[in-house]
Amino acid sequence: MSVFERFLSLWIALAMLAGLALGSLAPGLMTLISGAELARVNLVVAVLIWAMVYPMMIGVDPSALSGVLKQPRGLAITLVVNWLIKPFTMAALGVLFFETVFADFIAPEDAQQYVAGLILLGAAPCTAMVFVWSHLTRGDATYTLVQVTLNDAIMVFAFAPIVAVLLGVTDITVPWSTLILSVVLFVVLPLAAGIATRRALRSTARIDAFLRRAKPWSVVGLIATVVILFGLQGAVILERPLVIGLIAVPIVLQSYGIFAIAYAAAWLLRVPHRIAAPCALIGTSNFLELAVAVAISLFGLHSGAALATVVGVLVEVPVMLSLVRFANRTRGSFAG
């Protein structure tokens, strides 16, 4: 284990502070980075995420894809949690906190906006970062790819109807360019590069040696991504810390709750840990680019809904790292 991975929580905490400082001291740089977008996908962050995902994709063995169906329980848990549980628990938590628990602190019109943003987060399972979380838990790279691919296929048909039902509106416009570009950038291209690398290296020993060299750079990419994310949102965090904290509460509860459901189900069904950990982490993580894009298109750039999805961006990394650590510590409790 590299020094980056051994003290990853410390590096992430320092990256958050560095991002806040950079956002305050170099706003021009942050504006430049923020403007580098295509179909609402930030290209600087996309490059860093691509660097993180690429080592994981090298571990994908195309010849092993047929064996994924021999472990259908992991796929079943992922699909049930992501599409039959997660969107509705997120909506329920949003209503509970912003219409009841926090009702005295939040104006009703703001509360509705925050709930809408949370619904958008809950209805969009992760596409990109889950490869990083799977990598950090020594997950099965091939199985993780199939899980993500299935979710992406379902998302094309299910995202808009679920959001429409939960928001009570019918004119949901899914930004297809964002959805398609994200899948291409974070799944298709890294997968193609990974398979090409495997073929070029040929032997298992050379592949393993290459992965050992590439893995630290994947973690460096994660740290750099956190710096940029917190730099881009630094002004909002410093100006509205109370609101940020209130929005974070249901997101954090949802994250740990969904992980607990999926992870416990995998343990009860005796799913091997290399499948169980990514299976639970996929449901916990969110397709942040899609959620932010839809929030902006429906409610506006400066809306409460957009702010709620941004808080999802800020909360996700530290929460997911804590769950990665828990999954690694409980590896021995699983069948294999």
Protein backbone atom coordinates (compact mmCIF):
# COMPACT_ATOMS: atom_id res chain seq x y z
CA MET A 1 0.00 0.00 0.00
CA SER A 2 1.43 3.38 -1.04
CA VAL A 3 1.84 6.34 1.30
CA PHE A 4 -1.03 8.03 -0.52
CA GLU A 5 -3.44 5.20 0.24
CA ARG A 6 -2.20 4.67 3.81
CA PHE A 7 -2.99 8.28 4.77
CA LEU A 8 -5.72 8.93 2.21
CA SER A 9 -8.17 10.48 4.71
CA LEU A 10 -5.50 12.96 5.79
CA TRP A 11 -4.67 13.90 2.19
CA ILE A 12 -8.37 14.40 1.42
CA ALA A 13 -8.82 16.65 4.45
CA LEU A 14 -5.80 18.71 3.38
CA ALA A 15 -7.14 18.79 -0.19
CA MET A 16 -10.45 20.22 1.08
CA LEU A 17 -8.61 22.98 2.95
CA ALA A 18 -6.38 23.63 -0.05
CA GLY A 19 -9.43 23.89 -2.30
CA LEU A 20 -11.12 26.40 -0.01
CA ALA A 21 -7.91 28.46 0.15
CA LEU A 22 -7.46 28.31 -3.61
CA GLY A 23 -11.03 29.40 -4.19
CA SER A 24 -10.47 32.44 -1.98
CA LEU A 25 -6.96 33.36 -3.12
CA ALA A 26 -7.22 32.55 -6.83
CA PRO A 27 -10.84 33.11 -7.91
CA GLY A 28 -9.70 33.85 -11.46
CA LEU A 29 -8.16 30.41 -11.78
CA MET A 30 -11.34 28.81 -10.46
CA THR A 31 -13.40 30.79 -12.94
CA LEU A 32 -11.16 29.57 -15.75
CA ILE A 33 -11.52 25.94 -14.65
CA SER A 34 -15.27 26.33 -14.16
CA GLY A 35 -15.65 27.63 -17.70
CA ALA A 36 -13.98 24.58 -19.24
CA GLU A 37 -17.25 22.72 -19.77
CA LEU A 38 -18.86 20.67 -22.50
CA ALA A 39 -22.51 19.66 -22.10
CA ARG A 40 -22.21 20.77 -18.45
CA VAL A 41 -19.40 18.25 -17.81
CA ASN A 42 -16.31 20.01 -16.47
CA LEU A 43 -13.45 18.90 -18.70
CA VAL A 44 -10.70 19.46 -16.11
CA VAL A 45 -12.48 17.26 -13.58
CA ALA A 46 -13.29 14.80 -16.38
CA VAL A 47 -9.58 14.38 -17.19
CA LEU A 48 -8.79 13.70 -13.53
CA ILE A 49 -11.64 11.22 -13.17
CA TRP A 50 -10.52 9.54 -16.39
CA ALA A 51 -7.05 9.15 -14.88
CA MET A 52 -8.61 7.55 -11.81
CA VAL A 53 -10.83 5.17 -13.75
CA TYR A 54 -8.23 4.06 -16.29
CA PRO A 55 -6.20 1.81 -13.91
CA MET A 56 -9.43 0.12 -12.85
CA MET A 57 -10.32 -0.60 -16.48
CA ILE A 58 -6.97 -2.28 -17.08
CA GLY A 59 -8.15 -4.87 -14.57
CA VAL A 60 -11.21 -5.68 -16.69
CA ASP A 61 -10.75 -9.04 -18.38
CA PRO A 62 -13.10 -9.25 -21.40
CA SER A 63 -12.85 -13.04 -21.40
CA ALA A 64 -14.34 -13.10 -17.89
CA LEU A 65 -17.51 -11.19 -18.78
CA SER A 66 -19.47 -14.38 -19.38
CA GLY A 67 -18.76 -15.46 -15.82
CA VAL A 68 -20.56 -12.46 -14.34
CA LEU A 69 -23.95 -14.13 -14.79
CA LYS A 70 -22.79 -16.91 -12.48
CA GLN A 71 -23.09 -14.35 -9.64
CA PRO A 72 -26.55 -12.82 -10.28
CA ARG A 73 -27.16 -11.86 -6.65
CA GLY A 74 -24.80 -8.90 -6.79
CA LEU A 75 -26.53 -7.54 -9.87
CA ALA A 76 -29.96 -8.05 -8.29
CA ILE A 77 -28.98 -6.15 -5.13
CA THR A 78 -27.56 -3.27 -7.16
CA LEU A 79 -30.66 -2.92 -9.31
CA VAL A 80 -33.18 -3.23 -6.45
CA VAL A 81 -31.35 -0.73 -4.24
CA ASN A 82 -30.70 1.80 -7.00
CA TRP A 83 -34.14 1.82 -8.60
CA LEU A 84 -36.69 0.53 -6.07
CA ILE A 85 -35.30 1.94 -2.81
CA LYS A 86 -32.79 4.77 -3.14
CA PRO A 87 -34.83 7.45 -5.02
CA PHE A 88 -37.76 7.07 -2.64
CA THR A 89 -35.78 7.04 0.61
CA MET A 90 -33.94 10.19 -0.53
CA ALA A 91 -37.24 11.92 -1.24
CA ALA A 92 -38.64 10.79 2.11
CA LEU A 93 -35.60 12.07 4.01
CA GLY A 94 -35.75 15.37 2.15
CA VAL A 95 -39.39 15.91 3.08
CA LEU A 96 -38.81 14.80 6.68
CA PHE A 97 -35.93 17.19 7.31
CA PHE A 98 -36.90 20.24 5.28
CA GLU A 99 -40.62 20.23 5.90
CA THR A 100 -40.51 19.06 9.53
CA VAL A 101 -37.16 18.90 11.36
CA PHE A 102 -35.63 22.04 9.80
CA ALA A 103 -38.94 23.83 9.14
CA ASP A 104 -38.15 26.63 11.63
CA PHE A 105 -34.80 27.40 9.97
CA ILE A 106 -35.73 27.22 6.28
CA ALA A 107 -38.28 29.22 4.29
CA PRO A 108 -40.95 26.94 2.73
CA GLU A 109 -40.03 27.89 -0.83
CA ASP A 110 -36.36 27.16 -0.14
CA ALA A 111 -37.28 23.85 1.50
CA GLN A 112 -39.07 22.73 -1.67
CA GLN A 113 -36.02 23.56 -3.74
CA TYR A 114 -33.68 21.61 -1.47
CA VAL A 115 -36.00 18.59 -1.55
CA ALA A 116 -36.03 18.75 -5.35
CA GLY A 117 -32.23 18.74 -5.45
CA LEU A 118 -32.08 15.75 -3.13
CA ILE A 119 -34.55 13.87 -5.33
CA LEU A 120 -32.33 14.46 -8.35
CA LEU A 121 -29.34 13.08 -6.44
CA GLY A 122 -31.24 10.00 -5.29
CA ALA A 123 -32.44 9.12 -8.78
CA ALA A 124 -28.99 9.15 -10.40
CA PRO A 125 -26.71 6.22 -9.47
CA CYS A 126 -22.97 6.64 -9.97
CA THR A 127 -21.22 6.08 -13.29
CA ALA A 128 -17.62 7.23 -12.85
CA MET A 129 -16.31 7.45 -9.30
CA VAL A 130 -17.62 4.02 -8.37
CA PHE A 131 -14.70 2.56 -10.32
CA VAL A 132 -12.38 4.35 -7.92
CA TRP A 133 -14.23 3.08 -4.84
CA SER A 134 -14.25 -0.45 -6.27
CA HIS A 135 -10.53 -0.17 -6.95
CA LEU A 136 -9.85 0.90 -3.35
CA THR A 137 -11.81 -2.07 -1.97
CA ARG A 138 -10.13 -4.56 -4.33
CA GLY A 139 -13.41 -5.10 -6.12
CA ASP A 140 -13.92 -7.30 -9.16
CA ALA A 141 -13.23 -4.89 -12.03
CA THR A 142 -15.17 -6.89 -14.61
CA TYR A 143 -18.21 -7.28 -12.38
CA THR A 144 -18.18 -3.59 -11.47
CA LEU A 145 -18.19 -2.69 -15.16
CA VAL A 146 -21.27 -4.84 -15.77
CA GLN A 147 -23.05 -3.32 -12.75
CA VAL A 148 -22.37 0.21 -13.97
CA THR A 149 -23.37 -0.64 -17.54
CA LEU A 150 -26.72 -2.07 -16.41
CA ASN A 151 -27.42 1.00 -14.29
CA ASP A 152 -26.59 3.31 -17.18
CA ALA A 153 -28.91 1.39 -19.50
CA ILE A 154 -31.77 1.58 -16.98
CA MET A 155 -31.07 5.25 -16.28
CA VAL A 156 -31.79 6.15 -19.89
CA PHE A 157 -35.38 4.97 -19.45
CA ALA A 158 -36.07 5.33 -15.72
CA PHE A 159 -34.43 8.58 -14.57
CA ALA A 160 -36.93 11.03 -16.07
CA PRO A 161 -40.12 9.13 -15.04
CA ILE A 162 -38.89 8.62 -11.46
CA VAL A 163 -37.90 12.27 -11.08
CA ALA A 164 -41.19 13.37 -12.65
CA VAL A 165 -43.23 11.30 -10.19
CA LEU A 166 -41.28 12.42 -7.13
CA LEU A 167 -41.19 16.10 -8.13
CA GLY A 168 -44.80 16.06 -9.22
CA VAL A 169 -44.03 17.51 -12.62
CA THR A 170 -44.22 16.09 -16.11
CA ASP A 171 -41.94 18.35 -18.15
CA ILE A 172 -38.62 16.85 -17.09
CA THR A 173 -36.01 17.48 -19.76
CA VAL A 174 -33.14 15.08 -19.41
CA PRO A 175 -29.89 16.64 -20.70
CA TRP A 176 -29.05 13.74 -22.97
CA SER A 177 -25.79 15.34 -24.05
CA THR A 178 -24.59 15.33 -20.43
CA LEU A 179 -25.71 11.74 -19.89
CA ILE A 180 -24.17 10.43 -23.11
CA LEU A 181 -20.94 12.41 -22.80
CA SER A 182 -20.44 11.26 -19.20
CA VAL A 183 -20.91 7.60 -20.11
CA VAL A 184 -18.51 7.95 -23.05
CA LEU A 185 -15.87 9.84 -21.03
CA PHE A 186 -16.04 7.79 -17.84
CA VAL A 187 -16.89 4.30 -19.11
CA VAL A 188 -16.41 3.77 -22.85
CA LEU A 189 -13.08 5.53 -23.45
CA PRO A 190 -11.30 4.31 -20.28
CA LEU A 191 -12.56 0.78 -20.99
CA ALA A 192 -11.22 0.89 -24.54
CA ALA A 193 -7.88 2.24 -23.29
CA GLY A 194 -7.74 -0.42 -20.57
CA ILE A 195 -8.39 -3.28 -22.99
CA ALA A 196 -5.82 -1.88 -25.44
CA THR A 197 -3.28 -1.68 -22.61
CA ARG A 198 -3.94 -5.28 -21.57
CA ARG A 199 -3.40 -6.46 -25.12
CA ALA A 200 -0.20 -4.45 -25.44
CA LEU A 201 1.22 -5.78 -22.16
CA ARG A 202 0.07 -9.36 -22.90
CA SER A 203 1.33 -11.20 -19.82
CA THR A 204 -0.31 -11.14 -16.38
CA ALA A 205 3.00 -10.24 -14.73
CA ARG A 206 3.47 -7.18 -16.94
CA ILE A 207 -0.14 -6.10 -16.38
CA ASP A 208 0.29 -6.38 -12.59
CA ALA A 209 3.56 -4.42 -12.72
CA PHE A 210 1.93 -1.68 -14.79
CA LEU A 211 -1.00 -1.46 -12.35
CA ARG A 212 1.37 -1.08 -9.40
CA ARG A 213 2.97 1.91 -11.12
CA ALA A 214 -0.35 3.45 -12.20
CA LYS A 215 -2.27 3.01 -8.94
CA PRO A 216 -0.60 5.88 -7.01
CA TRP A 217 -1.44 8.29 -9.83
CA SER A 218 -5.07 7.25 -9.52
CA VAL A 219 -5.05 8.41 -5.89
CA VAL A 220 -3.26 11.63 -6.87
CA GLY A 221 -6.05 12.24 -9.36
CA LEU A 222 -8.63 11.77 -6.61
CA ILE A 223 -6.86 14.29 -4.35
CA ALA A 224 -6.56 16.82 -7.19
CA THR A 225 -10.27 16.40 -7.97
CA VAL A 226 -11.17 17.21 -4.37
CA VAL A 227 -9.01 20.35 -4.48
CA ILE A 228 -10.81 21.57 -7.60
CA LEU A 229 -14.32 20.70 -6.36
CA PHE A 230 -13.83 22.54 -3.10
CA GLY A 231 -12.12 25.40 -4.91
CA LEU A 232 -15.07 25.80 -7.26
CA GLN A 233 -17.60 25.80 -4.40
CA GLY A 234 -15.46 27.54 -1.78
CA ALA A 235 -17.41 30.82 -1.87
CA VAL A 236 -20.73 29.04 -1.33
CA ILE A 237 -19.35 27.02 1.59
CA LEU A 238 -17.91 30.06 3.33
CA GLU A 239 -20.95 32.28 2.70
CA ARG A 240 -23.69 29.77 3.66
CA PRO A 241 -22.16 27.23 6.05
CA LEU A 242 -25.39 26.64 8.00
CA VAL A 243 -27.44 25.88 4.88
CA ILE A 244 -24.68 23.62 3.58
CA GLY A 245 -24.68 21.75 6.90
CA LEU A 246 -28.46 21.33 6.93
CA ILE A 247 -28.54 20.00 3.36
CA ALA A 248 -25.70 17.62 4.15
CA VAL A 249 -27.62 15.90 6.97
CA PRO A 250 -30.15 13.92 4.86
CA ILE A 251 -27.48 13.21 2.22
CA VAL A 252 -25.15 11.69 4.81
CA LEU A 253 -27.96 9.66 6.40
CA GLN A 254 -29.07 8.44 2.98
CA SER A 255 -25.52 7.44 2.05
CA TYR A 256 -24.86 5.39 5.16
CA GLY A 257 -28.38 3.95 5.16
CA ILE A 258 -28.27 2.79 1.53
CA PHE A 259 -24.82 1.30 2.03
CA ALA A 260 -26.04 -0.57 5.11
CA ILE A 261 -29.02 -2.03 3.22
CA ALA A 262 -26.98 -3.19 0.21
CA TYR A 263 -23.98 -4.41 2.22
CA ALA A 264 -26.16 -6.32 4.69
CA ALA A 265 -28.14 -7.90 1.85
CA ALA A 266 -24.91 -8.99 0.18
CA TRP A 267 -23.67 -10.49 3.45
CA LEU A 268 -26.94 -12.34 4.04
CA LEU A 269 -26.93 -13.69 0.48
CA ARG A 270 -23.28 -14.73 0.83
CA VAL A 271 -22.06 -12.55 -2.03
CA PRO A 272 -18.22 -12.52 -2.22
CA HIS A 273 -16.63 -9.35 -0.88
CA ARG A 274 -15.02 -8.43 -4.23
CA ILE A 275 -18.59 -8.10 -5.56
CA ALA A 276 -20.40 -7.04 -2.37
CA ALA A 277 -18.29 -3.93 -1.71
CA PRO A 278 -18.71 -2.33 -5.18
CA CYS A 279 -22.35 -3.47 -5.18
CA ALA A 280 -23.04 -1.44 -2.02
CA LEU A 281 -20.88 1.51 -3.05
CA ILE A 282 -22.63 1.95 -6.42
CA GLY A 283 -25.93 2.59 -4.67
CA THR A 284 -24.32 4.93 -2.17
CA SER A 285 -22.54 7.09 -4.74
CA ASN A 286 -24.36 9.43 -7.16
CA PHE A 287 -24.13 10.49 -10.81
CA LEU A 288 -23.32 14.03 -9.72
CA GLU A 289 -22.83 15.53 -13.19
CA LEU A 290 -26.31 14.46 -14.27
CA ALA A 291 -28.00 15.62 -11.05
CA VAL A 292 -26.33 19.05 -11.18
CA ALA A 293 -27.13 19.47 -14.87
CA VAL A 294 -30.83 18.64 -14.46
CA ALA A 295 -31.12 20.88 -11.38
CA ILE A 296 -29.67 23.82 -13.33
CA SER A 297 -31.84 23.18 -16.39
CA LEU A 298 -35.05 22.83 -14.36
CA PHE A 299 -34.58 25.37 -11.59
CA GLY A 300 -31.68 27.63 -12.56
CA LEU A 301 -27.99 28.01 -11.74
CA HIS A 302 -28.55 29.84 -8.45
CA SER A 303 -31.52 27.79 -7.26
CA GLY A 304 -31.78 25.86 -4.02
CA ALA A 305 -32.09 22.64 -6.02
CA ALA A 306 -28.76 23.29 -7.74
CA LEU A 307 -27.18 24.11 -4.38
CA ALA A 308 -28.42 20.80 -2.93
CA THR A 309 -26.81 18.84 -5.75
CA VAL A 310 -23.56 20.75 -5.23
CA VAL A 311 -23.61 19.78 -1.56
CA GLY A 312 -23.87 16.21 -2.79
CA VAL A 313 -20.59 16.76 -4.62
CA LEU A 314 -18.92 18.11 -1.47
CA VAL A 315 -20.22 15.38 0.85
CA GLU A 316 -19.60 12.39 -1.39
CA VAL A 317 -15.82 12.00 -1.22
CA PRO A 318 -15.36 12.00 2.58
CA VAL A 319 -18.43 9.81 3.09
CA MET A 320 -17.37 7.32 0.44
CA LEU A 321 -13.83 7.13 1.83
CA SER A 322 -15.23 6.27 5.26
CA LEU A 323 -17.33 3.50 3.69
CA VAL A 324 -14.34 2.22 1.71
CA ARG A 325 -12.43 1.94 4.97
CA PHE A 326 -15.33 0.12 6.65
CA ALA A 327 -15.68 -2.28 3.71
CA ASN A 328 -11.98 -3.09 3.82
CA ARG A 329 -12.06 -3.70 7.57
CA THR A 330 -15.03 -6.08 7.29
CA ARG A 331 -13.66 -8.08 4.37
CA GLY A 332 -13.15 -11.13 6.56
CA SER A 333 -16.88 -11.31 7.39
CA PHE A 334 -17.75 -12.28 3.82
CA ALA A 335 -17.71 -15.66 2.14
CA GLY A 336 -14.92 -14.88 -0.30
